Amino acid sequence: MEQALFDRDAGYYSQHISTIGRRGDFSTSATLSPTLSRAIAGWLQKLWRSNPSLPRTVIEIGAGDGSLAQGILKHIGLLARQRLRYHIVEISAPLAKQQVSRLGKYRRCRWYPDMQQALAETGGEAIIISNELIDAFPAELLQWDQDKQCWCQLLLDHDGVHWVTRTGKPVPLPASSSLATGHNLVNGQIVERHDSYIDWLGKWIRQWQIGEMLTIDYGDLFPQLYDRRPRGTLRAYFAQNRLESMGEILARPGCQDITADIDFSDLRARTAALGLKEIAYQRQLEFISSQKVNATGDDPATNPHGAGSAFKVLWQRRTGLSG
């Protein structure tokens, strides 16, 4: 998955992604509606009113085609925008080019290749936001072995014609992992684990001294995330088509997106262990409503049968070096 998405010469995000939205392989809430960006702009304004000492620097990680940033900057208000420094961390050259084209008129926008450089620029003080970031990190597949009462790696082999799966060794789990808790999942259940995101977060979190973090992504709590999903949530997107069989997911390597839902039970517990204090966890439609943003009945960002419930918003706080 890491090679298919991020290989420097042939990866999907590195080379082959054309755009995000109706003309791309997939859409995000920000490309379909301005409602989410208006809500985040309102959230930022409330933060600064309640605590004027908070940094006026925003770091957006993985800004897609720039639609979310553009909406935030548009709706943040003139006075707030004049004081705001907006930093974007982006590793996809094709998407960074689109972001610059969309946001170049905002002189306070700056781009960085990694969080370490962005945080060095801000002195470790920033408000961090991301939308559909974690799902782009490589996911490890695990399968439940009922007889052994353990989770095992699910591995891939190629027989010269087809990809085939096989079960690997049992996987040791950190005490904070949701997979280490009790569940009623059946033998053979497949789940995804985003250790790559936790590892990446751990590389820079001590550099982040103070601020708030808003993480938005699709997923649910464990184990209900896997209700009626015995094969897990791994899937690919190509030309707005959702592909769920392993053969389809592994087809066109480097030319289509591969993603999986987020286990928010795991994410919340393991980021708390890194020193982040949770302020709120809610559905996207609840977050938008809490910011007093009025949305039309057909707004995809607040659709309770779609993105409004499928996407979750996790608000966490960094108050000092405790993790």
Protein backbone atom coordinates (compact mmCIF):
# COMPACT_ATOMS: atom_id res chain seq x y z
CA MET A 1 0.00 0.00 0.00
CA GLU A 2 2.85 2.36 0.82
CA GLN A 3 4.54 1.65 -2.49
CA ALA A 4 1.31 1.91 -4.48
CA LEU A 5 0.46 5.28 -2.96
CA PHE A 6 3.80 6.96 -2.28
CA ASP A 7 6.56 5.46 -4.42
CA ARG A 8 8.52 8.49 -5.62
CA ASP A 9 8.47 7.54 -9.29
CA ALA A 10 5.25 5.55 -9.67
CA GLY A 11 3.03 6.15 -6.60
CA TYR A 12 -0.55 7.33 -6.85
CA TYR A 13 -0.13 10.42 -4.67
CA SER A 14 3.43 11.04 -5.83
CA GLN A 15 2.76 11.01 -9.57
CA HIS A 16 -0.61 9.86 -10.84
CA ILE A 17 -3.37 11.60 -8.91
CA SER A 18 -5.02 14.11 -11.25
CA THR A 19 -7.31 15.96 -8.86
CA ILE A 20 -9.81 15.44 -6.04
CA GLY A 21 -13.51 16.00 -6.65
CA ARG A 22 -15.99 15.13 -9.35
CA ARG A 23 -13.26 15.06 -12.03
CA GLY A 24 -10.96 12.86 -9.95
CA ASP A 25 -11.05 9.30 -8.62
CA PHE A 26 -12.81 10.33 -5.40
CA SER A 27 -14.39 13.34 -3.70
CA THR A 28 -14.10 14.78 -0.20
CA SER A 29 -16.63 16.75 1.83
CA ALA A 30 -14.62 19.90 1.16
CA THR A 31 -14.80 19.47 -2.63
CA LEU A 32 -18.56 18.84 -2.62
CA SER A 33 -19.71 21.55 -0.21
CA PRO A 34 -18.34 24.67 1.57
CA THR A 35 -20.17 23.72 4.78
CA LEU A 36 -17.26 21.93 6.49
CA SER A 37 -14.83 24.77 5.82
CA ARG A 38 -17.34 27.27 7.21
CA ALA A 39 -17.70 25.16 10.36
CA ILE A 40 -13.92 24.92 10.85
CA ALA A 41 -13.59 28.67 10.33
CA GLY A 42 -16.23 29.18 13.04
CA TRP A 43 -14.43 26.73 15.32
CA LEU A 44 -11.16 28.66 14.91
CA GLN A 45 -12.83 31.98 15.66
CA LYS A 46 -14.41 30.57 18.83
CA LEU A 47 -11.04 29.20 19.93
CA TRP A 48 -9.34 32.55 19.58
CA ARG A 49 -12.17 34.42 21.31
CA SER A 50 -12.11 32.04 24.27
CA ASN A 51 -8.30 32.00 24.50
CA PRO A 52 -6.59 34.97 22.83
CA SER A 53 -3.17 33.52 23.70
CA LEU A 54 -3.64 30.60 21.33
CA PRO A 55 -1.34 30.71 18.29
CA ARG A 56 -2.73 32.37 15.17
CA THR A 57 -0.98 29.75 13.08
CA VAL A 58 -2.84 26.90 11.39
CA ILE A 59 -1.09 23.86 9.97
CA GLU A 60 -3.20 21.80 7.59
CA ILE A 61 -1.74 18.37 6.89
CA GLY A 62 -2.56 16.94 3.47
CA ALA A 63 -4.66 19.72 1.97
CA GLY A 64 -6.02 17.84 -1.06
CA ASP A 65 -6.80 20.22 -3.90
CA GLY A 66 -6.86 23.20 -1.51
CA SER A 67 -10.66 23.47 -1.29
CA LEU A 68 -10.79 23.21 2.50
CA ALA A 69 -8.07 25.82 3.01
CA GLN A 70 -9.70 28.13 0.50
CA GLY A 71 -13.03 27.86 2.30
CA ILE A 72 -11.50 28.44 5.72
CA LEU A 73 -9.63 31.52 4.53
CA LYS A 74 -12.76 32.84 2.85
CA HIS A 75 -15.02 32.41 5.88
CA ILE A 76 -12.58 33.21 8.71
CA GLY A 77 -13.31 36.93 8.58
CA LEU A 78 -11.13 39.83 7.49
CA LEU A 79 -9.57 40.67 10.86
CA ALA A 80 -8.78 37.04 11.70
CA ARG A 81 -7.37 36.47 8.22
CA GLN A 82 -5.00 39.42 8.58
CA ARG A 83 -3.41 37.85 11.67
CA LEU A 84 -3.52 34.26 10.43
CA ARG A 85 -0.52 32.31 9.16
CA TYR A 86 -1.66 29.26 7.20
CA HIS A 87 0.88 26.49 6.70
CA ILE A 88 0.29 23.40 4.57
CA VAL A 89 2.24 20.15 4.87
CA GLU A 90 2.00 18.28 1.60
CA ILE A 91 4.07 15.41 0.19
CA SER A 92 2.13 15.02 -3.07
CA ALA A 93 3.71 17.17 -5.78
CA PRO A 94 0.63 17.08 -8.07
CA LEU A 95 -1.67 18.18 -5.24
CA ALA A 96 0.75 20.84 -3.97
CA LYS A 97 0.73 22.35 -7.45
CA GLN A 98 -3.07 22.55 -7.38
CA GLN A 99 -3.00 24.07 -3.90
CA VAL A 100 -0.57 26.80 -4.97
CA SER A 101 -2.75 27.57 -7.97
CA ARG A 102 -5.85 27.84 -5.77
CA LEU A 103 -4.30 29.62 -2.77
CA GLY A 104 -1.42 31.58 -4.25
CA LYS A 105 -3.20 34.91 -3.76
CA TYR A 106 -3.09 34.42 0.01
CA ARG A 107 0.36 35.70 0.85
CA ARG A 108 0.27 34.16 4.33
CA CYS A 109 0.10 30.60 2.94
CA ARG A 110 3.32 28.60 3.13
CA TRP A 111 4.12 25.02 2.11
CA TYR A 112 6.34 22.47 3.84
CA PRO A 113 7.33 18.87 3.00
CA ASP A 114 6.96 17.58 6.57
CA MET A 115 5.65 18.46 10.02
CA GLN A 116 9.11 18.91 11.50
CA GLN A 117 9.86 21.85 9.21
CA ALA A 118 6.40 23.37 9.65
CA LEU A 119 6.63 23.19 13.45
CA ALA A 120 10.16 24.60 13.42
CA GLU A 121 8.78 27.62 11.58
CA THR A 122 6.00 28.08 14.16
CA GLY A 123 8.16 27.55 17.22
CA GLY A 124 6.14 24.46 18.08
CA GLU A 125 2.91 26.43 18.58
CA ALA A 126 0.08 25.80 16.13
CA ILE A 127 -3.50 24.71 15.59
CA ILE A 128 -3.39 21.56 13.48
CA ILE A 129 -6.18 20.34 11.21
CA SER A 130 -6.54 17.45 8.81
CA ASN A 131 -9.36 16.10 6.68
CA GLU A 132 -9.14 12.55 5.31
CA LEU A 133 -5.47 12.25 6.20
CA ILE A 134 -5.19 9.08 8.28
CA ASP A 135 -7.04 6.95 5.71
CA ALA A 136 -4.22 7.66 3.24
CA PHE A 137 -1.63 6.07 5.53
CA PRO A 138 -0.66 2.46 4.80
CA ALA A 139 -2.82 0.02 6.75
CA GLU A 140 -1.79 -3.37 8.08
CA LEU A 141 -4.36 -6.16 7.70
CA LEU A 142 -4.98 -8.45 10.66
CA GLN A 143 -7.18 -11.54 10.87
CA TRP A 144 -8.80 -12.97 14.01
CA ASP A 145 -7.89 -16.55 14.90
CA GLN A 146 -10.64 -17.80 17.17
CA ASP A 147 -8.83 -21.00 18.16
CA LYS A 148 -5.62 -19.24 19.18
CA GLN A 149 -7.48 -16.17 20.50
CA CYS A 150 -5.10 -13.80 18.74
CA TRP A 151 -4.74 -11.44 15.80
CA CYS A 152 -2.45 -12.58 12.97
CA GLN A 153 -0.97 -10.68 10.06
CA LEU A 154 -2.71 -11.15 6.73
CA LEU A 155 0.00 -11.35 4.07
CA LEU A 156 0.02 -11.24 0.28
CA ASP A 157 1.77 -13.51 -2.20
CA HIS A 158 1.73 -13.52 -6.00
CA ASP A 159 1.51 -16.87 -7.77
CA GLY A 160 2.58 -15.45 -11.12
CA VAL A 161 -0.98 -14.76 -12.20
CA HIS A 162 -2.99 -13.69 -9.15
CA TRP A 163 -2.50 -12.17 -5.73
CA VAL A 164 -3.31 -14.62 -2.95
CA THR A 165 -3.58 -14.05 0.80
CA ARG A 166 -2.14 -16.15 3.61
CA THR A 167 -2.07 -15.88 7.37
CA GLY A 168 1.16 -14.81 9.03
CA LYS A 169 2.40 -14.74 12.60
CA PRO A 170 0.45 -13.54 15.66
CA VAL A 171 0.86 -9.81 16.24
CA PRO A 172 1.81 -8.33 19.62
CA LEU A 173 -0.47 -5.44 20.52
CA PRO A 174 0.24 -2.34 22.62
CA ALA A 175 -1.87 -2.19 25.78
CA SER A 176 -3.63 0.93 24.45
CA SER A 177 -4.77 -0.79 21.23
CA SER A 178 -8.50 -1.33 20.80
CA LEU A 179 -7.72 -4.78 19.40
CA ALA A 180 -6.43 -5.81 22.82
CA THR A 181 -9.94 -5.40 24.28
CA GLY A 182 -12.79 -7.91 24.25
CA HIS A 183 -15.02 -8.39 21.21
CA ASN A 184 -17.46 -10.83 19.64
CA LEU A 185 -15.94 -10.91 16.16
CA VAL A 186 -16.11 -14.24 14.34
CA ASN A 187 -13.18 -16.40 13.29
CA GLY A 188 -11.52 -15.00 10.16
CA GLN A 189 -12.63 -11.39 10.69
CA ILE A 190 -10.27 -8.98 8.91
CA VAL A 191 -9.48 -5.55 10.35
CA GLU A 192 -7.13 -2.71 9.46
CA ARG A 193 -4.57 -1.12 11.77
CA HIS A 194 -3.00 2.29 11.05
CA ASP A 195 0.21 1.89 13.05
CA SER A 196 1.98 3.86 10.32
CA TYR A 197 0.04 6.97 11.36
CA ILE A 198 0.83 6.49 15.06
CA ASP A 199 4.51 5.99 14.22
CA TRP A 200 4.52 9.13 12.07
CA LEU A 201 2.78 11.16 14.78
CA GLY A 202 5.32 10.02 17.33
CA LYS A 203 8.17 11.42 15.24
CA TRP A 204 7.07 15.03 15.65
CA ILE A 205 4.63 15.28 18.54
CA ARG A 206 7.30 16.33 21.08
CA GLN A 207 8.15 19.23 18.80
CA TRP A 208 4.54 20.44 19.07
CA GLN A 209 4.45 22.43 22.30
CA ILE A 210 0.94 23.85 22.49
CA GLY A 211 -2.24 24.10 20.43
CA GLU A 212 -5.39 22.29 19.33
CA MET A 213 -5.78 19.50 16.79
CA LEU A 214 -8.86 18.72 14.71
CA THR A 215 -8.82 15.35 12.94
CA ILE A 216 -11.62 14.52 10.50
CA ASP A 217 -11.93 11.15 8.80
CA TYR A 218 -14.32 8.32 8.03
CA GLY A 219 -14.57 5.49 10.52
CA ASP A 220 -16.19 4.38 13.77
CA LEU A 221 -15.54 2.85 17.16
CA PHE A 222 -14.32 -0.72 17.62
CA PRO A 223 -15.79 -3.30 17.20
CA GLN A 224 -18.95 -1.83 15.62
CA LEU A 225 -16.81 -0.48 12.78
CA TYR A 226 -16.74 -4.06 11.46
CA ASP A 227 -20.45 -4.88 11.81
CA ARG A 228 -21.44 -6.77 8.63
CA ARG A 229 -17.91 -6.27 7.28
CA PRO A 230 -16.20 -9.66 7.68
CA ARG A 231 -13.60 -8.75 5.05
CA GLY A 232 -12.80 -5.41 6.68
CA THR A 233 -13.05 -1.94 5.12
CA LEU A 234 -10.06 -1.90 2.73
CA ARG A 235 -11.06 -0.60 -0.70
CA ALA A 236 -9.86 1.31 -3.74
CA TYR A 237 -11.28 4.20 -5.74
CA PHE A 238 -10.84 4.61 -9.47
CA ALA A 239 -12.79 7.07 -11.64
CA GLN A 240 -15.38 7.53 -8.85
CA ASN A 241 -15.91 3.76 -8.61
CA ARG A 242 -15.61 1.98 -5.26
CA LEU A 243 -13.69 -1.31 -5.60
CA GLU A 244 -13.83 -3.81 -2.72
CA SER A 245 -12.52 -7.20 -3.87
CA MET A 246 -8.84 -7.87 -3.21
CA GLY A 247 -8.25 -8.39 -6.91
CA GLU A 248 -9.71 -4.97 -7.72
CA ILE A 249 -7.89 -3.28 -4.85
CA LEU A 250 -4.54 -4.62 -6.05
CA ALA A 251 -5.20 -3.85 -9.72
CA ARG A 252 -3.64 -0.76 -11.33
CA PRO A 253 -0.94 -0.26 -8.65
CA GLY A 254 0.00 3.41 -8.46
CA CYS A 255 -2.96 4.46 -10.58
CA GLN A 256 -5.80 4.33 -8.04
CA ASP A 257 -6.42 5.27 -4.44
CA ILE A 258 -6.35 2.63 -1.69
CA THR A 259 -7.92 3.40 1.67
CA ALA A 260 -9.56 1.99 4.80
CA ASP A 261 -11.84 3.26 7.56
CA ILE A 262 -10.33 4.54 10.80
CA ASP A 263 -10.71 2.67 14.08
CA PHE A 264 -11.37 5.70 16.28
CA SER A 265 -11.25 3.64 19.47
CA ASP A 266 -7.66 2.75 18.65
CA LEU A 267 -6.80 6.27 17.51
CA ARG A 268 -8.23 7.95 20.61
CA ALA A 269 -6.53 5.60 23.07
CA ARG A 270 -3.14 5.58 21.41
CA THR A 271 -2.96 9.34 20.85
CA ALA A 272 -3.96 9.88 24.49
CA ALA A 273 -0.94 7.75 25.39
CA LEU A 274 1.16 10.24 23.42
CA GLY A 275 -0.04 13.12 25.59
CA LEU A 276 -3.06 14.48 23.71
CA LYS A 277 -6.09 15.51 25.76
CA GLU A 278 -9.42 14.75 24.11
CA ILE A 279 -11.91 17.63 24.07
CA ALA A 280 -14.63 16.20 21.85
CA TYR A 281 -15.44 13.27 19.58
CA GLN A 282 -18.56 13.58 17.43
CA ARG A 283 -20.10 12.95 14.05
CA GLN A 284 -19.34 15.50 11.36
CA LEU A 285 -22.96 16.69 11.23
CA GLU A 286 -22.86 17.30 15.00
CA PHE A 287 -19.63 19.28 14.71
CA ILE A 288 -21.08 21.43 11.94
CA SER A 289 -24.27 22.01 13.91
CA SER A 290 -22.26 22.99 17.01
CA GLN A 291 -20.69 25.82 15.01
CA LYS A 292 -24.14 27.22 14.17
CA VAL A 293 -23.66 26.62 10.45
CA ASN A 294 -26.93 26.23 8.61
CA ALA A 295 -26.86 23.59 5.88
CA THR A 296 -29.47 22.74 3.26
CA GLY A 297 -31.32 19.46 3.49
CA ASP A 298 -29.35 17.98 0.61
CA ASP A 299 -25.91 19.12 1.79
CA PRO A 300 -23.58 16.10 1.49
CA ALA A 301 -21.48 17.27 4.45
CA THR A 302 -24.38 16.86 6.88
CA ASN A 303 -26.29 13.98 5.28
CA PRO A 304 -27.04 11.64 8.23
CA HIS A 305 -27.09 8.67 5.85
CA GLY A 306 -23.77 9.63 4.28
CA ALA A 307 -20.80 11.82 5.17
CA GLY A 308 -22.59 13.51 8.07
CA SER A 309 -22.48 10.28 10.10
CA ALA A 310 -19.70 8.34 8.36
CA PHE A 311 -17.16 11.07 9.12
CA LYS A 312 -16.06 11.68 12.69
CA VAL A 313 -14.41 14.77 14.17
CA LEU A 314 -11.82 14.34 16.91
CA TRP A 315 -10.75 17.48 18.79
CA GLN A 316 -7.63 17.14 20.94
CA ARG A 317 -5.40 19.54 22.84
CA ARG A 318 -1.67 19.80 23.40
CA THR A 319 -0.91 21.63 26.62
CA GLY A 320 2.76 20.82 27.12
CA LEU A 321 5.34 18.09 26.82
CA SER A 322 3.62 15.28 28.67
CA GLY A 323 3.89 12.39 26.24
